[in-house]
């Protein structure tokens, strides 16, 4: 008897499915962002290094001009 009573108080199936979907999405978004950062860092490592070297060179040139 208690199970029937408990089932009667459950929200409708669509609301429960929606809640599960939202929770899974909330948990997967941070993982997706972390993976994108890691993969992006690996993919563009050479460009990032080139940019850093260029920035250092230009900063040194500006210091020498003073």
PDB file of N, CA and C in Angstrom:
ATOM      1  N   UNK A   1       0.804  -1.197   0.000  1.00  0.00           N
ATOM      2  CA  UNK A   1       0.000   0.000   0.000  1.00  0.00           C
ATOM      3  C   UNK A   1       0.857   1.275   0.000  1.00  0.00           C
ATOM      4  N   UNK A   2       1.978   1.261   0.720  1.00  0.00           N
ATOM      5  CA  UNK A   2       2.800   2.456   0.788  1.00  0.00           C
ATOM      6  C   UNK A   2       3.401   2.789  -0.572  1.00  0.00           C
ATOM      7  N   UNK A   3       3.758   1.783  -1.366  1.00  0.00           N
ATOM      8  CA  UNK A   3       4.337   2.057  -2.678  1.00  0.00           C
ATOM      9  C   UNK A   3       3.346   2.775  -3.584  1.00  0.00           C
ATOM     10  N   UNK A   4       2.107   2.351  -3.574  1.00  0.00           N
ATOM     11  CA  UNK A   4       1.111   3.019  -4.404  1.00  0.00           C
ATOM     12  C   UNK A   4       0.953   4.471  -3.972  1.00  0.00           C
ATOM     13  N   UNK A   5       0.966   4.703  -2.678  1.00  0.00           N
ATOM     14  CA  UNK A   5       0.828   6.065  -2.179  1.00  0.00           C
ATOM     15  C   UNK A   5       2.031   6.912  -2.604  1.00  0.00           C
ATOM     16  N   UNK A   6       3.233   6.341  -2.521  1.00  0.00           N
ATOM     17  CA  UNK A   6       4.429   7.077  -2.891  1.00  0.00           C
ATOM     18  C   UNK A   6       4.435   7.356  -4.394  1.00  0.00           C
ATOM     19  N   UNK A   7       4.017   6.395  -5.203  1.00  0.00           N
ATOM     20  CA  UNK A   7       3.969   6.602  -6.643  1.00  0.00           C
ATOM     21  C   UNK A   7       2.961   7.670  -7.027  1.00  0.00           C
ATOM     22  N   UNK A   8       1.897   7.794  -6.265  1.00  0.00           N
ATOM     23  CA  UNK A   8       0.887   8.803  -6.564  1.00  0.00           C
ATOM     24  C   UNK A   8       1.438  10.214  -6.366  1.00  0.00           C
ATOM     25  N   UNK A   9       2.442  10.369  -5.510  1.00  0.00           N
ATOM     26  CA  UNK A   9       2.998  11.695  -5.243  1.00  0.00           C
ATOM     27  C   UNK A   9       4.136  12.053  -6.194  1.00  0.00           C
ATOM     28  N   UNK A  10       4.572  11.132  -7.020  1.00  0.00           N
ATOM     29  CA  UNK A  10       5.659  11.426  -7.946  1.00  0.00           C
ATOM     30  C   UNK A  10       5.214  12.451  -8.981  1.00  0.00           C
ATOM     31  N   UNK A  11       6.145  13.327  -9.379  1.00  0.00           N
ATOM     32  CA  UNK A  11       5.803  14.264 -10.450  1.00  0.00           C
ATOM     33  C   UNK A  11       5.633  13.505 -11.770  1.00  0.00           C
ATOM     34  N   UNK A  12       5.040  14.119 -12.764  1.00  0.00           N
ATOM     35  CA  UNK A  12       4.846  13.433 -14.040  1.00  0.00           C
ATOM     36  C   UNK A  12       6.178  13.040 -14.672  1.00  0.00           C
ATOM     37  N   UNK A  13       6.115  12.055 -15.536  1.00  0.00           N
ATOM     38  CA  UNK A  13       7.325  11.509 -16.160  1.00  0.00           C
ATOM     39  C   UNK A  13       8.094  12.579 -16.923  1.00  0.00           C
ATOM     40  N   UNK A  14       7.420  13.432 -17.642  1.00  0.00           N
ATOM     41  CA  UNK A  14       8.114  14.451 -18.436  1.00  0.00           C
ATOM     42  C   UNK A  14       8.923  15.394 -17.547  1.00  0.00           C
ATOM     43  N   UNK A  15       8.409  15.733 -16.374  1.00  0.00           N
ATOM     44  CA  UNK A  15       9.145  16.607 -15.465  1.00  0.00           C
ATOM     45  C   UNK A  15      10.372  15.892 -14.910  1.00  0.00           C
ATOM     46  N   UNK A  16      10.223  14.606 -14.594  1.00  0.00           N
ATOM     47  CA  UNK A  16      11.365  13.844 -14.077  1.00  0.00           C
ATOM     48  C   UNK A  16      12.437  13.691 -15.147  1.00  0.00           C
ATOM     49  N   UNK A  17      12.027  13.420 -16.383  1.00  0.00           N
ATOM     50  CA  UNK A  17      12.993  13.297 -17.478  1.00  0.00           C
ATOM     51  C   UNK A  17      13.692  14.635 -17.705  1.00  0.00           C
ATOM     52  N   UNK A  18      12.937  15.714 -17.647  1.00  0.00           N
ATOM     53  CA  UNK A  18      13.529  17.037 -17.806  1.00  0.00           C
ATOM     54  C   UNK A  18      14.539  17.343 -16.725  1.00  0.00           C
ATOM     55  N   UNK A  19      14.231  16.962 -15.498  1.00  0.00           N
ATOM     56  CA  UNK A  19      15.151  17.194 -14.387  1.00  0.00           C
ATOM     57  C   UNK A  19      16.446  16.406 -14.586  1.00  0.00           C
ATOM     58  N   UNK A  20      16.324  15.152 -15.009  1.00  0.00           N
ATOM     59  CA  UNK A  20      17.512  14.329 -15.258  1.00  0.00           C
ATOM     60  C   UNK A  20      18.340  14.931 -16.389  1.00  0.00           C
ATOM     61  N   UNK A  21      17.669  15.397 -17.435  1.00  0.00           N
ATOM     62  CA  UNK A  21      18.374  15.998 -18.566  1.00  0.00           C
ATOM     63  C   UNK A  21      19.129  17.250 -18.138  1.00  0.00           C
ATOM     64  N   UNK A  22      18.487  18.111 -17.361  1.00  0.00           N
ATOM     65  CA  UNK A  22      19.131  19.347 -16.907  1.00  0.00           C
ATOM     66  C   UNK A  22      20.316  19.034 -16.003  1.00  0.00           C
ATOM     67  N   UNK A  23      20.154  18.087 -15.093  1.00  0.00           N
ATOM     68  CA  UNK A  23      21.265  17.729 -14.206  1.00  0.00           C
ATOM     69  C   UNK A  23      22.438  17.153 -14.993  1.00  0.00           C
ATOM     70  N   UNK A  24      22.163  16.299 -15.959  1.00  0.00           N
ATOM     71  CA  UNK A  24      23.252  15.724 -16.752  1.00  0.00           C
ATOM     72  C   UNK A  24      23.941  16.800 -17.577  1.00  0.00           C
ATOM     73  N   UNK A  25      23.175  17.757 -18.081  1.00  0.00           N
ATOM     74  CA  UNK A  25      23.759  18.854 -18.842  1.00  0.00           C
ATOM     75  C   UNK A  25      24.644  19.717 -17.951  1.00  0.00           C
ATOM     76  N   UNK A  26      24.172  19.998 -16.734  1.00  0.00           N
ATOM     77  CA  UNK A  26      24.961  20.805 -15.803  1.00  0.00           C
ATOM     78  C   UNK A  26      26.266  20.107 -15.436  1.00  0.00           C
ATOM     79  N   UNK A  27      26.238  18.800 -15.346  1.00  0.00           N
ATOM     80  CA  UNK A  27      27.454  18.072 -15.005  1.00  0.00           C
ATOM     81  C   UNK A  27      28.386  17.931 -16.197  1.00  0.00           C
ATOM     82  N   UNK A  28      27.857  17.914 -17.411  1.00  0.00           N
ATOM     83  CA  UNK A  28      28.706  17.687 -18.572  1.00  0.00           C
ATOM     84  C   UNK A  28      29.333  18.970 -19.107  1.00  0.00           C
ATOM     85  N   UNK A  29      28.726  20.126 -18.852  1.00  0.00           N
ATOM     86  CA  UNK A  29      29.273  21.376 -19.390  1.00  0.00           C
ATOM     87  C   UNK A  29      30.667  21.679 -18.831  1.00  0.00           C
ATOM     88  N   UNK A  30      30.919  21.583 -17.522  1.00  0.00           N
ATOM     89  CA  UNK A  30      32.288  21.831 -17.043  1.00  0.00           C
ATOM     90  C   UNK A  30      33.300  20.856 -17.639  1.00  0.00           C
ATOM     91  N   UNK A  31      32.922  19.603 -17.792  1.00  0.00           N
ATOM     92  CA  UNK A  31      33.818  18.621 -18.392  1.00  0.00           C
ATOM     93  C   UNK A  31      34.114  18.994 -19.836  1.00  0.00           C
ATOM     94  N   UNK A  32      33.104  19.422 -20.560  1.00  0.00           N
ATOM     95  CA  UNK A  32      33.293  19.834 -21.947  1.00  0.00           C
ATOM     96  C   UNK A  32      34.241  21.023 -22.033  1.00  0.00           C
ATOM     97  N   UNK A  33      34.071  21.997 -21.165  1.00  0.00           N
ATOM     98  CA  UNK A  33      34.942  23.172 -21.184  1.00  0.00           C
ATOM     99  C   UNK A  33      36.385  22.810 -20.860  1.00  0.00           C
ATOM    100  N   UNK A  34      36.575  21.938 -19.882  1.00  0.00           N
ATOM    101  CA  UNK A  34      37.929  21.509 -19.525  1.00  0.00           C
ATOM    102  C   UNK A  34      38.579  20.790 -20.698  1.00  0.00           C
ATOM    103  N   UNK A  35      37.827  19.892 -21.345  1.00  0.00           N
ATOM    104  CA  UNK A  35      38.371  19.178 -22.498  1.00  0.00           C
ATOM    105  C   UNK A  35      38.706  20.131 -23.636  1.00  0.00           C
ATOM    106  N   UNK A  36      37.857  21.128 -23.866  1.00  0.00           N
ATOM    107  CA  UNK A  36      38.146  22.102 -24.918  1.00  0.00           C
ATOM    108  C   UNK A  36      39.417  22.887 -24.610  1.00  0.00           C
ATOM    109  N   UNK A  37      39.598  23.276 -23.357  1.00  0.00           N
ATOM    110  CA  UNK A  37      40.812  24.003 -22.985  1.00  0.00           C
ATOM    111  C   UNK A  37      42.056  23.153 -23.190  1.00  0.00           C
ATOM    112  N   UNK A  38      41.988  21.896 -22.773  1.00  0.00           N
ATOM    113  CA  UNK A  38      43.143  21.005 -22.907  1.00  0.00           C
ATOM    114  C   UNK A  38      43.462  20.763 -24.376  1.00  0.00           C
ATOM    115  N   UNK A  39      42.432  20.409 -25.159  1.00  0.00           N
ATOM    116  CA  UNK A  39      42.654  20.130 -26.574  1.00  0.00           C
ATOM    117  C   UNK A  39      43.097  21.388 -27.319  1.00  0.00           C
ATOM    118  N   UNK A  40      42.520  22.532 -26.972  1.00  0.00           N
ATOM    119  CA  UNK A  40      42.921  23.778 -27.612  1.00  0.00           C
ATOM    120  C   UNK A  40      44.366  24.120 -27.303  1.00  0.00           C
ATOM    121  N   UNK A  41      44.776  23.885 -26.072  1.00  0.00           N
ATOM    122  CA  UNK A  41      46.169  24.127 -25.705  1.00  0.00           C
ATOM    123  C   UNK A  41      47.124  23.242 -26.477  1.00  0.00           C
ATOM    124  N   UNK A  42      46.732  21.982 -26.663  1.00  0.00           N
ATOM    125  CA  UNK A  42      47.574  21.061 -27.428  1.00  0.00           C
ATOM    126  C   UNK A  42      47.618  21.452 -28.900  1.00  0.00           C
ATOM    127  N   UNK A  43      46.473  21.821 -29.431  1.00  0.00           N
ATOM    128  CA  UNK A  43      46.361  22.116 -30.860  1.00  0.00           C
ATOM    129  C   UNK A  43      47.106  23.393 -31.240  1.00  0.00           C
ATOM    130  N   UNK A  44      47.023  24.422 -30.393  1.00  0.00           N
ATOM    131  CA  UNK A  44      47.585  25.724 -30.737  1.00  0.00           C
ATOM    132  C   UNK A  44      48.850  26.047 -29.951  1.00  0.00           C
ATOM    133  N   UNK A  45      49.537  25.026 -29.465  1.00  0.00           N
ATOM    134  CA  UNK A  45      50.739  25.253 -28.655  1.00  0.00           C
ATOM    135  C   UNK A  45      51.795  26.052 -29.416  1.00  0.00           C
ATOM    136  N   UNK A  46      52.056  25.689 -30.670  1.00  0.00           N
ATOM    137  CA  UNK A  46      53.109  26.381 -31.422  1.00  0.00           C
ATOM    138  C   UNK A  46      52.735  27.840 -31.670  1.00  0.00           C
ATOM    139  N   UNK A  47      51.465  28.104 -31.984  1.00  0.00           N
ATOM    140  CA  UNK A  47      51.045  29.487 -32.201  1.00  0.00           C
ATOM    141  C   UNK A  47      51.152  30.307 -30.914  1.00  0.00           C
ATOM    142  N   UNK A  48      50.811  29.688 -29.791  1.00  0.00           N
ATOM    143  CA  UNK A  48      50.900  30.385 -28.507  1.00  0.00           C
ATOM    144  C   UNK A  48      52.358  30.700 -28.182  1.00  0.00           C
ATOM    145  N   UNK A  49      53.247  29.751 -28.430  1.00  0.00           N
ATOM    146  CA  UNK A  49      54.674  29.981 -28.175  1.00  0.00           C
ATOM    147  C   UNK A  49      55.210  31.091 -29.073  1.00  0.00           C
ATOM    148  N   UNK A  50      54.815  31.081 -30.342  1.00  0.00           N
ATOM    149  CA  UNK A  50      55.256  32.122 -31.266  1.00  0.00           C
ATOM    150  C   UNK A  50      54.783  33.490 -30.786  1.00  0.00           C
ATOM    151  N   UNK A  51      53.552  33.561 -30.333  1.00  0.00           N
ATOM    152  CA  UNK A  51      52.995  34.826 -29.838  1.00  0.00           C
ATOM    153  C   UNK A  51      53.762  35.292 -28.601  1.00  0.00           C
ATOM    154  N   UNK A  52      54.080  34.370 -27.710  1.00  0.00           N
ATOM    155  CA  UNK A  52      54.825  34.742 -26.494  1.00  0.00           C
ATOM    156  C   UNK A  52      56.221  35.241 -26.847  1.00  0.00           C
ATOM    157  N   UNK A  53      56.893  34.553 -27.780  1.00  0.00           N
ATOM    158  CA  UNK A  53      58.234  34.978 -28.191  1.00  0.00           C
ATOM    159  C   UNK A  53      58.176  36.357 -28.834  1.00  0.00           C
ATOM    160  N   UNK A  54      57.190  36.571 -29.706  1.00  0.00           N
ATOM    161  CA  UNK A  54      57.033  37.865 -30.367  1.00  0.00           C
ATOM    162  C   UNK A  54      56.783  38.967 -29.346  1.00  0.00           C
ATOM    163  N   UNK A  55      55.938  38.669 -28.361  1.00  0.00           N
ATOM    164  CA  UNK A  55      55.629  39.656 -27.327  1.00  0.00           C
ATOM    165  C   UNK A  55      56.891  40.010 -26.537  1.00  0.00           C
ATOM    166  N   UNK A  56      57.701  39.005 -26.192  1.00  0.00           N
ATOM    167  CA  UNK A  56      58.936  39.277 -25.450  1.00  0.00           C
ATOM    168  C   UNK A  56      59.892  40.124 -26.278  1.00  0.00           C
ATOM    169  N   UNK A  57      60.004  39.797 -27.565  1.00  0.00           N
ATOM    170  CA  UNK A  57      60.906  40.551 -28.436  1.00  0.00           C
ATOM    171  C   UNK A  57      60.455  42.002 -28.534  1.00  0.00           C
ATOM    172  N   UNK A  58      59.165  42.220 -28.745  1.00  0.00           N
ATOM    173  CA  UNK A  58      58.673  43.597 -28.874  1.00  0.00           C
ATOM    174  C   UNK A  58      58.808  44.362 -27.557  1.00  0.00           C
ATOM    175  N   UNK A  59      58.610  43.689 -26.426  1.00  0.00           N
ATOM    176  CA  UNK A  59      58.785  44.368 -25.142  1.00  0.00           C
ATOM    177  C   UNK A  59      60.242  44.758 -24.944  1.00  0.00           C
ATOM    178  N   UNK A  60      61.162  43.869 -25.319  1.00  0.00           N
ATOM    179  CA  UNK A  60      62.587  44.187 -25.195  1.00  0.00           C
ATOM    180  C   UNK A  60      62.965  45.341 -26.112  1.00  0.00           C
ATOM    181  N   UNK A  61      62.390  45.370 -27.315  1.00  0.00           N
ATOM    182  CA  UNK A  61      62.685  46.464 -28.239  1.00  0.00           C
ATOM    183  C   UNK A  61      62.183  47.788 -27.673  1.00  0.00           C
ATOM    184  N   UNK A  62      61.010  47.788 -27.056  1.00  0.00           N
ATOM    185  CA  UNK A  62      60.470  49.013 -26.472  1.00  0.00           C
ATOM    186  C   UNK A  62      61.348  49.494 -25.326  1.00  0.00           C
ATOM    187  N   UNK A  63      61.876  48.561 -24.533  1.00  0.00           N
ATOM    188  CA  UNK A  63      62.757  48.934 -23.420  1.00  0.00           C
ATOM    189  C   UNK A  63      64.051  49.548 -23.940  1.00  0.00           C
ATOM    190  N   UNK A  64      64.579  48.986 -25.037  1.00  0.00           N
ATOM    191  CA  UNK A  64      65.825  49.504 -25.592  1.00  0.00           C
ATOM    192  C   UNK A  64      65.636  50.894 -26.185  1.00  0.00           C
ATOM    193  N   UNK A  65      64.431  51.183 -26.675  1.00  0.00           N
ATOM    194  CA  UNK A  65      64.166  52.487 -27.281  1.00  0.00           C
ATOM    195  C   UNK A  65      64.105  53.604 -26.244  1.00  0.00           C
ATOM    196  N   UNK A  66      63.900  53.285 -25.004  1.00  0.00           N
ATOM    197  CA  UNK A  66      63.768  54.325 -23.973  1.00  0.00           C
ATOM    198  C   UNK A  66      65.050  55.021 -23.698  1.00  0.00           C
TER     199      UNK A  66
END
